[in-house]
Amino acid sequence: MKLLILLLTITASSWAAVGSITEAQQQPSVIRRQNQNIAGVKGAGLEMKDTIKTGAGNVTITGTTTGDWNGIELTTFGASGSTFSLVSAGNITLTGTGSAGNGIKSAFTPGATIQSTGGGTITLNGTQTSGSNYYGLLLSSTKILSNAGGISLSAN
């Protein structure tokens, strides 16, 4: 199954929402939110506290901002117990671009987990375009795990 998630710009007033699924093929992924299982079909919304399991599918998440925010933000200060978990047997690719923010950020505890369980690769590409006090990747409380596939981190 291939799953493509497009992340929308997040504003301070909507910390929990991170975007929605824009493409899903084959069997739907499962989004676990609180005590509910939600089908990961096209149009399904994603939140920071979600656990996303795609089975054998690949996951691509892309986020770009042009204002004061991060391209992709997996955990947020002030969102109590903010955790994000993405588990896939396939490849996982996150690409974030921030102008006045980080490309990809997960910097608050308890943090995020990005895990490939079936030999897929994990690729994180973060770009910060303003040259200010931000980073391509800011992952101070993030677990990136792969049982067999490679892990690639790229920041500029």
N, C-alpha and C. Protein backbone atom coordinates (compact mmCIF):
# COMPACT_ATOMS: atom_id res chain seq x y z
N MET A 1 0.85 -1.17 0.00
CA MET A 1 0.00 0.00 0.00
C MET A 1 0.89 1.23 0.00
N LYS A 2 0.52 2.18 -0.78
CA LYS A 2 1.24 3.45 -0.84
C LYS A 2 0.36 4.50 -0.18
N LEU A 3 0.95 5.29 0.71
CA LEU A 3 0.21 6.32 1.42
C LEU A 3 0.97 7.61 1.28
N LEU A 4 0.31 8.64 0.79
CA LEU A 4 0.92 9.94 0.63
C LEU A 4 0.16 10.91 1.50
N ILE A 5 0.88 11.61 2.35
CA ILE A 5 0.25 12.55 3.26
C ILE A 5 0.81 13.93 2.98
N LEU A 6 -0.06 14.88 2.73
CA LEU A 6 0.35 16.25 2.50
C LEU A 6 0.06 17.03 3.77
N LEU A 7 1.10 17.62 4.34
CA LEU A 7 0.92 18.39 5.56
C LEU A 7 0.65 19.84 5.23
N LEU A 8 -0.31 20.39 5.92
CA LEU A 8 -0.69 21.77 5.74
C LEU A 8 0.05 22.64 6.74
N THR A 9 0.18 23.91 6.47
CA THR A 9 0.80 24.84 7.40
C THR A 9 0.01 24.82 8.69
N ILE A 10 0.72 24.71 9.81
CA ILE A 10 0.09 24.65 11.12
C ILE A 10 0.21 26.01 11.76
N THR A 11 -0.87 26.52 12.32
CA THR A 11 -0.83 27.77 13.05
C THR A 11 -0.90 27.48 14.53
N ALA A 12 -0.52 28.45 15.35
CA ALA A 12 -0.49 28.26 16.80
C ALA A 12 -1.85 27.89 17.36
N SER A 13 -2.92 28.28 16.70
CA SER A 13 -4.25 27.98 17.22
C SER A 13 -4.72 26.58 16.89
N SER A 14 -3.98 25.83 16.06
CA SER A 14 -4.39 24.47 15.71
C SER A 14 -3.22 23.51 15.81
N TRP A 15 -2.67 23.38 17.00
CA TRP A 15 -1.51 22.52 17.21
C TRP A 15 -1.75 21.06 16.86
N ALA A 16 -2.95 20.57 17.08
CA ALA A 16 -3.19 19.14 16.93
C ALA A 16 -3.23 18.69 15.48
N ALA A 17 -3.79 19.47 14.57
CA ALA A 17 -3.94 19.05 13.17
C ALA A 17 -2.61 19.13 12.44
N VAL A 18 -2.26 18.04 11.73
CA VAL A 18 -1.03 18.07 10.95
C VAL A 18 -1.27 17.86 9.47
N GLY A 19 -2.48 17.59 9.05
CA GLY A 19 -2.76 17.42 7.63
C GLY A 19 -3.74 16.31 7.38
N SER A 20 -3.79 15.84 6.14
CA SER A 20 -4.72 14.76 5.80
C SER A 20 -4.09 13.86 4.74
N ILE A 21 -4.64 12.68 4.59
CA ILE A 21 -4.15 11.71 3.61
C ILE A 21 -4.64 12.16 2.23
N THR A 22 -3.70 12.31 1.31
CA THR A 22 -4.06 12.76 -0.03
C THR A 22 -4.07 11.63 -1.05
N GLU A 23 -3.47 10.48 -0.71
CA GLU A 23 -3.50 9.34 -1.61
C GLU A 23 -3.37 8.08 -0.79
N ALA A 24 -4.18 7.08 -1.06
CA ALA A 24 -4.10 5.78 -0.40
C ALA A 24 -4.43 4.71 -1.41
N GLN A 25 -3.59 3.70 -1.51
CA GLN A 25 -3.80 2.62 -2.45
C GLN A 25 -3.82 1.30 -1.70
N GLN A 26 -4.51 0.31 -2.24
CA GLN A 26 -4.67 -1.01 -1.65
C GLN A 26 -5.39 -0.90 -0.32
N GLN A 27 -5.04 -1.73 0.65
CA GLN A 27 -5.76 -1.71 1.93
C GLN A 27 -5.49 -0.42 2.68
N PRO A 28 -6.48 0.11 3.39
CA PRO A 28 -6.26 1.36 4.12
C PRO A 28 -5.34 1.16 5.33
N SER A 29 -4.60 2.19 5.65
CA SER A 29 -3.81 2.18 6.86
C SER A 29 -4.76 2.35 8.04
N VAL A 30 -4.24 2.24 9.25
CA VAL A 30 -5.03 2.42 10.45
C VAL A 30 -4.47 3.59 11.23
N ILE A 31 -5.33 4.50 11.59
CA ILE A 31 -4.97 5.63 12.43
C ILE A 31 -5.57 5.35 13.81
N ARG A 32 -4.75 5.30 14.82
CA ARG A 32 -5.23 5.07 16.18
C ARG A 32 -5.24 6.41 16.89
N ARG A 33 -6.43 6.86 17.33
CA ARG A 33 -6.59 8.13 18.03
C ARG A 33 -7.39 7.88 19.29
N GLN A 34 -6.76 8.13 20.42
CA GLN A 34 -7.36 7.83 21.72
C GLN A 34 -7.79 6.38 21.73
N ASN A 35 -9.05 6.07 21.85
CA ASN A 35 -9.52 4.68 21.88
C ASN A 35 -10.22 4.29 20.60
N GLN A 36 -9.96 4.99 19.51
CA GLN A 36 -10.63 4.73 18.24
C GLN A 36 -9.64 4.26 17.19
N ASN A 37 -10.10 3.39 16.29
CA ASN A 37 -9.38 3.05 15.07
C ASN A 37 -10.10 3.75 13.93
N ILE A 38 -9.35 4.52 13.14
CA ILE A 38 -9.89 5.27 12.02
C ILE A 38 -9.23 4.76 10.75
N ALA A 39 -10.03 4.49 9.73
CA ALA A 39 -9.47 4.02 8.45
C ALA A 39 -8.62 5.12 7.83
N GLY A 40 -7.42 4.77 7.42
CA GLY A 40 -6.51 5.73 6.79
C GLY A 40 -6.77 5.83 5.31
N VAL A 41 -7.92 6.34 4.97
CA VAL A 41 -8.33 6.48 3.57
C VAL A 41 -8.12 7.93 3.12
N LYS A 42 -8.21 8.16 1.84
CA LYS A 42 -8.05 9.50 1.29
C LYS A 42 -9.00 10.47 1.99
N GLY A 43 -8.46 11.60 2.45
CA GLY A 43 -9.25 12.62 3.12
C GLY A 43 -9.23 12.51 4.64
N ALA A 44 -8.77 11.39 5.19
CA ALA A 44 -8.74 11.23 6.64
C ALA A 44 -7.75 12.23 7.24
N GLY A 45 -8.16 12.91 8.30
CA GLY A 45 -7.30 13.88 8.97
C GLY A 45 -6.32 13.21 9.91
N LEU A 46 -5.17 13.86 10.12
CA LEU A 46 -4.13 13.36 11.02
C LEU A 46 -3.88 14.39 12.10
N GLU A 47 -3.61 13.90 13.31
CA GLU A 47 -3.31 14.77 14.44
C GLU A 47 -2.02 14.32 15.09
N MET A 48 -1.42 15.23 15.87
CA MET A 48 -0.12 14.96 16.48
C MET A 48 -0.11 13.75 17.41
N LYS A 49 -1.19 13.44 18.06
CA LYS A 49 -1.21 12.32 18.99
C LYS A 49 -1.57 11.00 18.32
N ASP A 50 -1.72 10.99 17.01
CA ASP A 50 -2.10 9.79 16.29
C ASP A 50 -0.96 8.78 16.21
N THR A 51 -1.36 7.51 16.13
CA THR A 51 -0.46 6.42 15.77
C THR A 51 -0.92 5.95 14.40
N ILE A 52 -0.02 5.95 13.43
CA ILE A 52 -0.36 5.59 12.06
C ILE A 52 0.37 4.30 11.70
N LYS A 53 -0.37 3.28 11.29
CA LYS A 53 0.22 2.00 10.87
C LYS A 53 -0.25 1.72 9.45
N THR A 54 0.72 1.51 8.55
CA THR A 54 0.38 1.34 7.14
C THR A 54 0.52 -0.08 6.64
N GLY A 55 0.87 -1.03 7.47
CA GLY A 55 1.10 -2.39 6.98
C GLY A 55 2.34 -2.40 6.10
N ALA A 56 2.23 -2.96 4.91
CA ALA A 56 3.37 -3.06 4.00
C ALA A 56 3.55 -1.82 3.14
N GLY A 57 2.75 -0.80 3.36
CA GLY A 57 2.76 0.37 2.48
C GLY A 57 3.93 1.31 2.70
N ASN A 58 4.13 2.17 1.73
CA ASN A 58 5.11 3.24 1.82
C ASN A 58 4.40 4.50 2.28
N VAL A 59 5.14 5.38 2.93
CA VAL A 59 4.58 6.64 3.44
C VAL A 59 5.46 7.79 2.95
N THR A 60 4.83 8.81 2.40
CA THR A 60 5.53 10.04 2.02
C THR A 60 4.79 11.20 2.65
N ILE A 61 5.50 11.99 3.44
CA ILE A 61 4.92 13.18 4.07
C ILE A 61 5.74 14.38 3.60
N THR A 62 5.05 15.39 3.08
CA THR A 62 5.70 16.60 2.59
C THR A 62 5.05 17.81 3.25
N GLY A 63 5.87 18.71 3.77
CA GLY A 63 5.34 19.93 4.36
C GLY A 63 6.20 21.12 4.02
N THR A 64 5.59 22.21 3.60
CA THR A 64 6.31 23.43 3.22
C THR A 64 5.59 24.63 3.80
N THR A 65 6.34 25.54 4.40
CA THR A 65 5.75 26.78 4.88
C THR A 65 6.49 27.96 4.26
N THR A 66 5.80 29.06 4.14
CA THR A 66 6.42 30.30 3.67
C THR A 66 6.40 31.36 4.75
N GLY A 67 5.77 31.06 5.88
CA GLY A 67 5.68 32.03 6.98
C GLY A 67 6.42 31.53 8.20
N ASP A 68 5.99 31.99 9.36
CA ASP A 68 6.66 31.68 10.62
C ASP A 68 6.21 30.34 11.19
N TRP A 69 6.66 29.26 10.62
CA TRP A 69 6.35 27.95 11.18
C TRP A 69 7.27 26.91 10.57
N ASN A 70 7.16 25.68 11.04
CA ASN A 70 8.01 24.58 10.58
C ASN A 70 7.34 23.86 9.40
N GLY A 71 8.16 23.35 8.50
CA GLY A 71 7.61 22.59 7.37
C GLY A 71 6.80 21.40 7.83
N ILE A 72 7.36 20.59 8.73
CA ILE A 72 6.68 19.47 9.37
C ILE A 72 6.97 19.58 10.85
N GLU A 73 5.93 19.55 11.67
CA GLU A 73 6.13 19.55 13.12
C GLU A 73 5.38 18.35 13.70
N LEU A 74 6.14 17.41 14.25
CA LEU A 74 5.55 16.17 14.74
C LEU A 74 5.13 16.26 16.20
N THR A 75 5.75 17.11 16.99
CA THR A 75 5.35 17.34 18.38
C THR A 75 5.41 18.83 18.64
N THR A 76 4.55 19.32 19.52
CA THR A 76 4.45 20.76 19.77
C THR A 76 4.48 21.06 21.25
N PHE A 77 5.20 22.12 21.61
CA PHE A 77 5.22 22.61 22.97
C PHE A 77 3.80 23.01 23.38
N GLY A 78 3.40 22.61 24.57
CA GLY A 78 2.09 22.98 25.06
C GLY A 78 0.99 21.99 24.73
N ALA A 79 1.24 21.06 23.81
CA ALA A 79 0.25 20.02 23.52
C ALA A 79 0.52 18.87 24.46
N SER A 80 -0.12 18.85 25.60
CA SER A 80 0.15 17.91 26.67
C SER A 80 0.17 16.47 26.15
N GLY A 81 1.26 15.77 26.46
CA GLY A 81 1.38 14.39 26.03
C GLY A 81 1.48 14.22 24.54
N SER A 82 1.96 15.24 23.85
CA SER A 82 2.01 15.23 22.39
C SER A 82 2.98 14.16 21.90
N THR A 83 2.44 13.09 21.33
CA THR A 83 3.27 12.06 20.73
C THR A 83 2.78 11.83 19.32
N PHE A 84 3.70 11.41 18.47
CA PHE A 84 3.35 11.08 17.09
C PHE A 84 4.07 9.78 16.79
N SER A 85 3.36 8.81 16.24
CA SER A 85 3.96 7.52 15.93
C SER A 85 3.59 7.13 14.51
N LEU A 86 4.59 6.81 13.72
CA LEU A 86 4.40 6.37 12.34
C LEU A 86 5.12 5.04 12.17
N VAL A 87 4.38 3.97 11.89
CA VAL A 87 4.96 2.64 11.75
C VAL A 87 4.56 2.09 10.39
N SER A 88 5.54 1.65 9.62
CA SER A 88 5.30 1.11 8.30
C SER A 88 6.30 0.00 8.01
N ALA A 89 5.86 -1.02 7.31
CA ALA A 89 6.78 -2.05 6.86
C ALA A 89 7.52 -1.60 5.60
N GLY A 90 6.98 -0.60 4.94
CA GLY A 90 7.59 -0.09 3.71
C GLY A 90 8.50 1.09 3.97
N ASN A 91 8.77 1.82 2.93
CA ASN A 91 9.65 3.00 3.02
C ASN A 91 8.90 4.18 3.62
N ILE A 92 9.63 4.99 4.38
CA ILE A 92 9.08 6.20 4.97
C ILE A 92 9.93 7.37 4.51
N THR A 93 9.30 8.39 3.94
CA THR A 93 10.02 9.58 3.50
C THR A 93 9.31 10.81 4.02
N LEU A 94 10.05 11.65 4.74
CA LEU A 94 9.53 12.93 5.22
C LEU A 94 10.40 14.03 4.61
N THR A 95 9.77 15.01 3.97
CA THR A 95 10.48 16.14 3.38
C THR A 95 9.82 17.42 3.87
N GLY A 96 10.56 18.22 4.63
CA GLY A 96 10.02 19.45 5.17
C GLY A 96 10.87 20.64 4.81
N THR A 97 10.22 21.75 4.45
CA THR A 97 10.90 22.99 4.12
C THR A 97 10.28 24.12 4.93
N GLY A 98 11.10 24.81 5.71
CA GLY A 98 10.63 25.94 6.49
C GLY A 98 11.40 27.19 6.12
N SER A 99 10.69 28.31 6.00
CA SER A 99 11.39 29.56 5.70
C SER A 99 11.78 30.26 7.00
N ALA A 100 10.82 30.57 7.86
CA ALA A 100 11.13 31.15 9.17
C ALA A 100 10.81 30.11 10.23
N GLY A 101 11.36 28.94 10.07
CA GLY A 101 11.15 27.81 10.97
C GLY A 101 12.02 26.66 10.51
N ASN A 102 11.94 25.54 11.22
CA ASN A 102 12.72 24.35 10.89
C ASN A 102 12.08 23.58 9.74
N GLY A 103 12.89 22.83 9.01
CA GLY A 103 12.34 21.98 7.96
C GLY A 103 11.47 20.89 8.54
N ILE A 104 12.04 20.08 9.47
CA ILE A 104 11.30 19.06 10.20
C ILE A 104 11.64 19.23 11.67
N LYS A 105 10.61 19.30 12.51
CA LYS A 105 10.84 19.50 13.94
C LYS A 105 10.07 18.48 14.76
N SER A 106 10.78 17.90 15.72
CA SER A 106 10.18 17.06 16.76
C SER A 106 11.09 17.24 17.96
N ALA A 107 10.80 18.24 18.78
CA ALA A 107 11.75 18.63 19.81
C ALA A 107 11.20 18.65 21.22
N PHE A 108 10.00 18.17 21.44
CA PHE A 108 9.41 18.22 22.78
C PHE A 108 9.07 16.82 23.25
N THR A 109 9.27 16.57 24.53
CA THR A 109 8.98 15.25 25.08
C THR A 109 7.49 15.06 25.25
N PRO A 110 6.96 13.88 25.10
CA PRO A 110 7.69 12.62 24.97
C PRO A 110 8.21 12.34 23.56
N GLY A 111 7.91 13.16 22.60
CA GLY A 111 8.53 13.02 21.28
C GLY A 111 7.77 12.18 20.29
N ALA A 112 8.47 11.82 19.22
CA ALA A 112 7.86 11.08 18.11
C ALA A 112 8.64 9.80 17.86
N THR A 113 7.95 8.83 17.25
CA THR A 113 8.60 7.59 16.81
C THR A 113 8.30 7.42 15.33
N ILE A 114 9.34 7.19 14.55
CA ILE A 114 9.23 6.87 13.13
C ILE A 114 9.91 5.52 12.97
N GLN A 115 9.14 4.50 12.55
CA GLN A 115 9.68 3.14 12.57
C GLN A 115 9.31 2.37 11.32
N SER A 116 10.32 1.75 10.71
CA SER A 116 10.10 0.82 9.60
C SER A 116 10.33 -0.59 10.13
N THR A 117 9.30 -1.42 10.04
CA THR A 117 9.36 -2.75 10.64
C THR A 117 9.61 -3.88 9.64
N GLY A 118 9.52 -3.58 8.34
CA GLY A 118 9.62 -4.65 7.35
C GLY A 118 10.79 -4.50 6.40
N GLY A 119 11.83 -3.83 6.82
CA GLY A 119 13.01 -3.69 5.96
C GLY A 119 12.99 -2.47 5.07
N GLY A 120 11.98 -1.63 5.18
CA GLY A 120 11.91 -0.41 4.38
C GLY A 120 12.92 0.62 4.87
N THR A 121 13.22 1.58 4.03
CA THR A 121 14.15 2.65 4.39
C THR A 121 13.40 3.81 5.03
N ILE A 122 14.15 4.62 5.77
CA ILE A 122 13.61 5.85 6.34
C ILE A 122 14.48 6.99 5.84
N THR A 123 13.86 7.99 5.23
CA THR A 123 14.58 9.14 4.70
C THR A 123 13.93 10.41 5.22
N LEU A 124 14.71 11.24 5.90
CA LEU A 124 14.23 12.54 6.37
C LEU A 124 15.06 13.62 5.70
N ASN A 125 14.41 14.51 4.95
CA ASN A 125 15.06 15.62 4.26
C ASN A 125 14.48 16.91 4.81
N GLY A 126 15.30 17.71 5.46
CA GLY A 126 14.83 18.97 6.01
C GLY A 126 15.62 20.14 5.47
N THR A 127 14.92 21.19 5.07
CA THR A 127 15.55 22.38 4.52
C THR A 127 15.03 23.61 5.24
N GLN A 128 15.93 24.46 5.63
CA GLN A 128 15.59 25.74 6.24
C GLN A 128 16.13 26.81 5.30
N THR A 129 15.27 27.67 4.77
CA THR A 129 15.66 28.55 3.67
C THR A 129 16.06 29.96 4.07
N SER A 130 15.79 30.40 5.30
CA SER A 130 16.06 31.80 5.64
C SER A 130 17.47 32.05 6.16
N GLY A 131 18.17 30.99 6.57
CA GLY A 131 19.52 31.18 7.10
C GLY A 131 19.53 31.77 8.50
N SER A 132 18.39 31.77 9.18
CA SER A 132 18.31 32.34 10.53
C SER A 132 18.64 31.28 11.57
N ASN A 133 18.08 31.38 12.74
CA ASN A 133 18.41 30.48 13.84
C ASN A 133 17.58 29.21 13.85
N TYR A 134 17.27 28.68 12.69
CA TYR A 134 16.51 27.44 12.58
C TYR A 134 17.35 26.39 11.87
N TYR A 135 16.84 25.17 11.83
CA TYR A 135 17.61 24.04 11.31
C TYR A 135 16.81 23.30 10.24
N GLY A 136 17.50 22.57 9.40
CA GLY A 136 16.83 21.68 8.47
C GLY A 136 16.12 20.56 9.22
N LEU A 137 16.81 19.96 10.21
CA LEU A 137 16.24 18.92 11.06
C LEU A 137 16.47 19.29 12.52
N LEU A 138 15.43 19.28 13.32
CA LEU A 138 15.52 19.46 14.76
C LEU A 138 14.77 18.30 15.39
N LEU A 139 15.51 17.27 15.83
CA LEU A 139 14.92 16.00 16.24
C LEU A 139 15.41 15.61 17.63
N SER A 140 15.31 16.48 18.59
CA SER A 140 15.91 16.22 19.89
C SER A 140 15.18 15.17 20.74
N SER A 141 13.96 14.85 20.44
CA SER A 141 13.25 13.84 21.23
C SER A 141 12.54 12.85 20.30
N THR A 142 13.25 12.38 19.29
CA THR A 142 12.65 11.54 18.25
C THR A 142 13.38 10.21 18.16
N LYS A 143 12.62 9.13 18.07
CA LYS A 143 13.19 7.80 17.84
C LYS A 143 12.99 7.46 16.37
N ILE A 144 14.08 7.16 15.69
CA ILE A 144 14.02 6.75 14.28
C ILE A 144 14.59 5.34 14.24
N LEU A 145 13.73 4.36 13.91
CA LEU A 145 14.09 2.95 14.05
C LEU A 145 13.80 2.19 12.76
N SER A 146 14.73 1.33 12.37
CA SER A 146 14.52 0.46 11.22
C SER A 146 15.14 -0.89 11.52
N ASN A 147 14.39 -1.98 11.32
CA ASN A 147 14.93 -3.28 11.65
C ASN A 147 15.90 -3.81 10.60
N ALA A 148 15.86 -3.32 9.37
CA ALA A 148 16.76 -3.81 8.35
C ALA A 148 17.13 -2.76 7.31
N GLY A 149 16.23 -1.84 6.98
CA GLY A 149 16.48 -0.86 5.94
C GLY A 149 17.35 0.29 6.43
N GLY A 150 17.92 1.02 5.50
CA GLY A 150 18.79 2.14 5.82
C GLY A 150 18.02 3.34 6.36
N ILE A 151 18.75 4.18 7.09
CA ILE A 151 18.20 5.44 7.61
C ILE A 151 19.07 6.56 7.06
N SER A 152 18.43 7.55 6.42
CA SER A 152 19.15 8.67 5.84
C SER A 152 18.58 9.97 6.37
N LEU A 153 19.44 10.82 6.94
CA LEU A 153 19.03 12.14 7.44
C LEU A 153 19.81 13.18 6.66
N SER A 154 19.10 14.15 6.11
CA SER A 154 19.74 15.20 5.32
C SER A 154 19.15 16.55 5.72
N ALA A 155 20.04 17.47 6.08
CA ALA A 155 19.57 18.81 6.49
C ALA A 155 20.43 19.88 5.85
N ASN A 156 19.77 20.94 5.40
CA ASN A 156 20.51 22.11 4.92
C ASN A 156 19.67 23.34 5.12
